[in-house]
């Protein structure tokens, strides 16, 4: 890939932003143009970019999100013309891209460990000789991977969860600049928080604990029949939630072990986030049923006529 200009489309969560951070370290701040997207906007964003902005001197990277077949076909035409495109993702819903296109690298699990886009992109940049591994880089990448896959909970690596809290507390540009400064340092072996960051995190952890208790009281329990390979009735906890979906969703699942999964409704974004702690429930399949996608234990979809009727309207009913 040329280093003249890298256009990087990536998700806007910690995993996606960390991919952009790796690009800036590998290629240089002035050579990287980051475009924040989501699974719900990436297709339109990339399609518009290809039609209106793309030029031959650009290389394009897409991380932590997949694209639909229409956009994939447009990318393939550019690749056949000799242009540089790479997609790196870890969501199961993107696996068909990897099976069909050489420029798509989708790996859900490697060496018996769940992957994140950041860990996959780190390996990719290293394999291309674009990024030299260091102890602090490897440590940071593992923190991101551990949080995004929820391995941090099993291993007790609370710093991974705290890193995600800090990400949402800080302004994105400030967070990235602060992290890059530490990751570029030759004197740092492990990623660590500054004292002021640790204080912010502690305060936020206290606030979240109170918030979770409040949402547990607000959550409604529904019986929802979903017709996948065969109809099945799920016990679903439904709650309106516009922040802290990952940690609060996990807390709500644990607060009632009779639940199959939790549906968190975000009217502001028109989205539903699903979370489960059960091994016999595959949320990636359930989300795909409603036009969304994600992981077996963390997925999501948009508000539609069907999802409004199934999850939102029942949550609005007053008993």
Protein backbone atom coordinates (compact mmCIF):
# COMPACT_ATOMS: atom_id res chain seq x y z
CA UNK A 1 0.00 0.00 0.00
CA UNK A 2 1.24 3.48 -0.82
CA UNK A 3 1.95 5.81 2.04
CA UNK A 4 0.98 8.92 0.08
CA UNK A 5 -2.59 8.98 1.39
CA UNK A 6 -4.43 6.37 3.44
CA UNK A 7 -8.19 6.71 3.81
CA UNK A 8 -9.27 4.64 6.80
CA UNK A 9 -12.92 3.80 7.41
CA UNK A 10 -13.44 2.37 10.87
CA UNK A 11 -16.07 1.82 13.55
CA UNK A 12 -16.32 4.49 16.23
CA UNK A 13 -15.96 2.32 19.33
CA UNK A 14 -12.70 1.60 21.18
CA UNK A 15 -11.76 -1.24 18.84
CA UNK A 16 -12.40 0.79 15.71
CA UNK A 17 -10.65 3.92 17.00
CA UNK A 18 -7.66 1.84 18.07
CA UNK A 19 -7.31 0.61 14.48
CA UNK A 20 -7.11 4.25 13.39
CA UNK A 21 -4.48 4.85 16.08
CA UNK A 22 -2.38 2.01 14.65
CA UNK A 23 -2.67 3.55 11.18
CA UNK A 24 -1.40 6.89 12.45
CA UNK A 25 1.58 5.21 14.12
CA UNK A 26 2.37 3.08 11.07
CA UNK A 27 1.89 5.67 8.32
CA UNK A 28 2.31 9.00 10.10
CA UNK A 29 -0.35 11.44 11.25
CA UNK A 30 -0.31 13.51 8.05
CA UNK A 31 -0.79 10.51 5.78
CA UNK A 32 -3.95 9.10 7.41
CA UNK A 33 -7.47 10.39 6.86
CA UNK A 34 -9.86 8.68 9.24
CA UNK A 35 -13.57 8.30 8.48
CA UNK A 36 -15.66 7.21 11.46
CA UNK A 37 -18.54 4.94 10.44
CA UNK A 38 -20.83 2.35 11.98
CA UNK A 39 -22.28 -0.95 10.72
CA UNK A 40 -25.37 1.08 9.83
CA UNK A 41 -23.62 3.81 7.82
CA UNK A 42 -20.54 2.19 6.32
CA UNK A 43 -22.15 1.08 3.06
CA UNK A 44 -23.47 4.51 2.16
CA UNK A 45 -20.26 6.22 3.28
CA UNK A 46 -17.98 3.96 1.23
CA UNK A 47 -20.26 4.02 -1.80
CA UNK A 48 -20.37 7.83 -1.80
CA UNK A 49 -16.60 7.99 -1.31
CA UNK A 50 -15.96 5.70 -4.28
CA UNK A 51 -18.28 7.72 -6.50
CA UNK A 52 -17.20 11.23 -5.50
CA UNK A 53 -13.80 11.30 -3.79
CA UNK A 54 -11.65 8.29 -4.62
CA UNK A 55 -8.50 8.92 -6.64
CA UNK A 56 -5.76 6.51 -7.79
CA UNK A 57 -3.14 7.72 -5.30
CA UNK A 58 -5.32 6.67 -2.38
CA UNK A 59 -5.11 3.43 -0.43
CA UNK A 60 -8.23 2.41 1.47
CA UNK A 61 -8.53 0.43 4.70
CA UNK A 62 -11.84 -0.62 6.30
CA UNK A 63 -11.70 -1.99 9.84
CA UNK A 64 -14.13 -3.38 12.41
CA UNK A 65 -17.10 -3.28 10.02
CA UNK A 66 -18.20 -5.25 7.00
CA UNK A 67 -19.79 -4.06 3.77
CA UNK A 68 -22.72 -5.43 1.81
CA UNK A 69 -22.39 -7.25 -1.51
CA UNK A 70 -23.18 -4.17 -3.58
CA UNK A 71 -20.32 -2.20 -2.05
CA UNK A 72 -18.03 -5.24 -2.10
CA UNK A 73 -18.57 -5.52 -5.87
CA UNK A 74 -17.63 -1.86 -6.32
CA UNK A 75 -14.46 -2.40 -4.29
CA UNK A 76 -13.60 -5.51 -6.29
CA UNK A 77 -13.74 -3.50 -9.53
CA UNK A 78 -11.27 -1.01 -8.08
CA UNK A 79 -8.97 -3.83 -6.95
CA UNK A 80 -9.06 -5.37 -10.42
CA UNK A 81 -7.97 -1.99 -11.77
CA UNK A 82 -4.89 -2.15 -9.52
CA UNK A 83 -6.04 -0.02 -6.59
CA UNK A 84 -5.31 -0.88 -2.96
CA UNK A 85 -8.18 -1.90 -0.66
CA UNK A 86 -8.06 -3.91 2.57
CA UNK A 87 -10.94 -4.86 4.86
CA UNK A 88 -10.18 -6.32 8.29
CA UNK A 89 -12.99 -7.46 10.53
CA UNK A 90 -13.78 -10.04 13.21
CA UNK A 91 -17.58 -10.17 13.10
CA UNK A 92 -19.06 -13.50 11.96
CA UNK A 93 -21.51 -11.68 9.68
CA UNK A 94 -18.53 -10.56 7.55
CA UNK A 95 -17.16 -14.07 6.96
CA UNK A 96 -18.77 -14.40 3.49
CA UNK A 97 -16.64 -11.46 2.33
CA UNK A 98 -13.44 -13.24 3.32
CA UNK A 99 -14.53 -16.38 1.47
CA UNK A 100 -15.15 -14.45 -1.76
CA UNK A 101 -12.65 -11.59 -1.89
CA UNK A 102 -8.86 -11.62 -1.41
CA UNK A 103 -8.89 -8.07 -0.03
CA UNK A 104 -11.22 -9.04 2.82
CA UNK A 105 -9.59 -10.51 5.92
CA UNK A 106 -12.17 -11.72 8.42
CA UNK A 107 -11.01 -13.87 11.34
CA UNK A 108 -13.28 -14.53 14.30
CA UNK A 109 -10.86 -16.68 16.30
CA UNK A 110 -7.13 -17.35 16.09
CA UNK A 111 -4.98 -19.72 18.14
CA UNK A 112 -7.97 -20.54 20.33
CA UNK A 113 -8.55 -16.88 21.17
CA UNK A 114 -11.28 -14.48 20.08
CA UNK A 115 -9.98 -11.72 17.88
CA UNK A 116 -10.67 -7.99 17.69
CA UNK A 117 -10.18 -5.74 14.70
CA UNK A 118 -7.29 -4.05 16.50
CA UNK A 119 -5.42 -7.31 17.10
CA UNK A 120 -5.98 -8.41 13.50
CA UNK A 121 -4.87 -5.05 12.09
CA UNK A 122 -1.81 -5.04 14.34
CA UNK A 123 -0.81 -8.45 12.96
CA UNK A 124 -1.50 -7.24 9.42
CA UNK A 125 0.66 -4.12 9.75
CA UNK A 126 3.46 -6.15 11.29
CA UNK A 127 3.29 -8.76 8.52
CA UNK A 128 3.63 -6.02 5.90
CA UNK A 129 6.61 -4.48 7.68
CA UNK A 130 4.67 -1.28 8.32
CA UNK A 131 4.74 -1.41 12.10
CA UNK A 132 7.48 -2.69 14.39
CA UNK A 133 6.12 -4.49 17.46
CA UNK A 134 6.96 -3.06 20.87
CA UNK A 135 6.02 -4.14 24.37
CA UNK A 136 3.73 -1.16 24.96
CA UNK A 137 1.99 -1.56 21.59
CA UNK A 138 1.41 -5.25 22.20
CA UNK A 139 0.10 -4.50 25.70
CA UNK A 140 -2.32 -1.86 24.44
CA UNK A 141 -3.59 -4.06 21.61
CA UNK A 142 -4.27 -6.86 24.09
CA UNK A 143 -6.22 -4.50 26.36
CA UNK A 144 -8.45 -3.54 23.43
CA UNK A 145 -8.88 -7.16 22.33
CA UNK A 146 -9.66 -8.30 25.87
CA UNK A 147 -12.36 -5.67 26.29
CA UNK A 148 -13.96 -6.10 22.87
CA UNK A 149 -14.21 -9.87 23.26
CA UNK A 150 -15.08 -9.70 26.97
CA UNK A 151 -12.13 -11.95 27.77
CA UNK A 152 -11.18 -9.33 30.36
CA UNK A 153 -13.99 -10.49 32.62
CA UNK A 154 -12.83 -14.11 32.62
CA UNK A 155 -9.19 -13.15 33.22
CA UNK A 156 -9.89 -10.34 35.69
CA UNK A 157 -8.12 -7.78 33.48
CA UNK A 158 -10.11 -4.79 34.74
CA UNK A 159 -7.72 -2.35 33.04
CA UNK A 160 -9.28 -3.37 29.72
CA UNK A 161 -12.71 -2.29 30.91
CA UNK A 162 -11.25 0.89 32.39
CA UNK A 163 -9.63 1.73 29.06
CA UNK A 164 -13.04 1.58 27.42
CA UNK A 165 -14.49 3.85 30.12
CA UNK A 166 -11.73 6.38 29.50
CA UNK A 167 -12.37 6.22 25.76
CA UNK A 168 -15.97 7.34 26.24
CA UNK A 169 -15.08 9.92 28.88
CA UNK A 170 -12.51 11.72 26.74
CA UNK A 171 -12.93 13.66 23.53
CA UNK A 172 -11.97 11.32 20.68
CA UNK A 173 -9.12 13.40 19.32
CA UNK A 174 -7.66 13.95 22.79
CA UNK A 175 -7.92 10.26 23.61
CA UNK A 176 -6.15 9.26 20.40
CA UNK A 177 -3.39 11.85 20.80
CA UNK A 178 -2.76 10.85 24.43
CA UNK A 179 -2.63 7.15 23.58
CA UNK A 180 -0.38 7.66 20.55
CA UNK A 181 2.06 9.67 22.63
CA UNK A 182 2.47 6.76 25.01
CA UNK A 183 2.57 4.10 22.30
CA UNK A 184 5.34 5.94 20.44
CA UNK A 185 7.49 6.30 23.56
CA UNK A 186 10.62 4.15 23.61
CA UNK A 187 10.77 4.30 27.41
CA UNK A 188 7.36 2.73 28.11
CA UNK A 189 6.94 -1.05 28.40
CA UNK A 190 3.31 -1.24 29.54
CA UNK A 191 0.31 0.93 28.87
CA UNK A 192 -0.68 2.78 32.05
CA UNK A 193 -3.12 5.49 33.02
CA UNK A 194 -2.08 8.94 34.18
CA UNK A 195 -3.19 9.91 37.69
CA UNK A 196 -5.91 12.25 36.40
CA UNK A 197 -7.21 9.50 34.12
CA UNK A 198 -7.37 7.04 37.02
CA UNK A 199 -9.41 9.56 39.02
CA UNK A 200 -11.83 10.03 36.13
CA UNK A 201 -12.21 6.28 35.78
CA UNK A 202 -12.84 5.76 39.51
CA UNK A 203 -15.54 8.45 39.53
CA UNK A 204 -17.17 6.96 36.46
CA UNK A 205 -17.15 3.45 37.91
CA UNK A 206 -19.06 4.70 40.94
CA UNK A 207 -21.60 6.48 38.75
CA UNK A 208 -22.10 3.45 36.53
CA UNK A 209 -22.75 1.19 39.52
CA UNK A 210 -25.64 3.44 40.57
CA UNK A 211 -26.87 3.68 36.98
CA UNK A 212 -26.96 -0.10 36.58
CA UNK A 213 -29.06 -0.57 39.70
CA UNK A 214 -31.53 2.00 38.38
CA UNK A 215 -31.80 0.28 34.99
CA UNK A 216 -32.30 -3.12 36.61
CA UNK A 217 -35.41 -1.72 38.30
CA UNK A 218 -36.68 -0.21 35.02
CA UNK A 219 -36.17 -3.33 32.89
CA UNK A 220 -39.29 -5.14 31.66
CA UNK A 221 -39.38 -8.88 31.03
CA UNK A 222 -41.01 -10.11 27.82
CA UNK A 223 -41.67 -13.46 26.16
CA UNK A 224 -40.64 -13.07 22.52
CA UNK A 225 -41.15 -15.74 19.88
CA UNK A 226 -38.47 -15.64 17.18
CA UNK A 227 -38.76 -17.91 14.15
CA UNK A 228 -35.23 -18.87 13.11
CA UNK A 229 -34.61 -22.47 11.95
CA UNK A 230 -37.54 -23.29 14.20
CA UNK A 231 -39.71 -21.07 16.42
CA UNK A 232 -38.45 -20.49 19.93
CA UNK A 233 -39.74 -18.33 22.74
CA UNK A 234 -37.08 -16.24 24.46
CA UNK A 235 -37.21 -14.54 27.85
CA UNK A 236 -36.00 -11.03 27.06
CA UNK A 237 -35.22 -8.13 29.35
CA UNK A 238 -36.04 -4.84 27.61
CA UNK A 239 -34.85 -1.45 28.79
CA UNK A 240 -34.28 2.01 27.34
CA UNK A 241 -30.54 2.65 27.43
CA UNK A 242 -28.53 5.25 25.55
CA UNK A 243 -25.12 4.64 27.13
CA UNK A 244 -22.96 1.96 28.75
CA UNK A 245 -24.60 -0.80 26.68
CA UNK A 246 -21.72 -3.24 27.01
CA UNK A 247 -21.19 -3.17 30.77
CA UNK A 248 -24.81 -2.50 31.71
CA UNK A 249 -26.05 -5.21 29.37
CA UNK A 250 -23.75 -7.69 31.04
CA UNK A 251 -24.92 -6.53 34.48
CA UNK A 252 -28.59 -6.84 33.53
CA UNK A 253 -28.09 -10.36 32.19
CA UNK A 254 -26.47 -11.40 35.45
CA UNK A 255 -29.17 -9.71 37.52
CA UNK A 256 -31.76 -12.21 36.24
CA UNK A 257 -30.44 -15.61 35.20
CA UNK A 258 -33.85 -16.57 33.76
CA UNK A 259 -33.28 -14.13 30.87
CA UNK A 260 -32.08 -15.45 27.54
CA UNK A 261 -30.84 -12.02 26.52
CA UNK A 262 -31.27 -8.30 27.09
CA UNK A 263 -32.48 -5.81 24.46
CA UNK A 264 -31.31 -2.24 25.10
CA UNK A 265 -33.26 0.40 23.20
CA UNK A 266 -31.60 3.62 22.05
CA UNK A 267 -34.27 5.91 20.52
CA UNK A 268 -31.76 8.66 19.79
CA UNK A 269 -29.84 6.43 17.39
CA UNK A 270 -32.78 4.23 16.42
CA UNK A 271 -30.90 1.10 17.43
CA UNK A 272 -31.27 -1.95 19.62
CA UNK A 273 -28.25 -3.56 21.30
CA UNK A 274 -28.50 -7.19 22.35
CA UNK A 275 -26.42 -8.83 25.09
CA UNK A 276 -26.39 -12.33 26.59
CA UNK A 277 -24.22 -14.41 28.90
CA UNK A 278 -25.73 -17.71 27.78
CA UNK A 279 -23.95 -20.20 25.54
CA UNK A 280 -27.17 -21.55 24.01
CA UNK A 281 -28.21 -18.19 22.55
CA UNK A 282 -26.54 -16.84 19.37
CA UNK A 283 -27.30 -13.14 19.14
CA UNK A 284 -25.52 -12.78 15.80
CA UNK A 285 -28.22 -14.99 14.29
CA UNK A 286 -31.04 -13.20 16.12
CA UNK A 287 -29.72 -9.77 15.09
CA UNK A 288 -29.35 -10.93 11.47
CA UNK A 289 -32.99 -12.04 11.60
CA UNK A 290 -33.87 -8.40 12.24
CA UNK A 291 -31.49 -7.01 9.61
CA UNK A 292 -28.50 -6.42 11.92
CA UNK A 293 -25.44 -8.37 12.95
CA UNK A 294 -22.64 -8.80 15.46
CA UNK A 295 -21.23 -11.48 17.74
CA UNK A 296 -22.90 -14.48 19.40
CA UNK A 297 -23.07 -12.67 22.75
CA UNK A 298 -23.19 -9.03 21.61
CA UNK A 299 -25.08 -7.84 18.56
CA UNK A 300 -27.55 -5.25 17.40
CA UNK A 301 -30.01 -3.99 14.81
CA UNK A 302 -31.96 -0.87 13.86
CA UNK A 303 -35.48 0.20 14.65
CA UNK A 304 -37.84 -1.17 12.00
CA UNK A 305 -41.54 -1.88 11.90
CA UNK A 306 -40.85 -5.41 13.13
CA UNK A 307 -38.41 -4.50 15.91
CA UNK A 308 -40.62 -1.64 17.10
CA UNK A 309 -43.53 -4.05 17.43
CA UNK A 310 -41.41 -6.78 19.03
CA UNK A 311 -39.30 -4.83 21.51
CA UNK A 312 -40.07 -1.09 21.66
CA UNK A 313 -43.85 -0.92 21.91
CA UNK A 314 -44.05 -3.56 24.67
CA UNK A 315 -41.41 -1.62 26.63
CA UNK A 316 -43.61 1.48 26.44
CA UNK A 317 -46.69 -0.20 27.85
CA UNK A 318 -47.70 0.81 31.35
CA UNK A 319 -49.03 -2.08 33.43
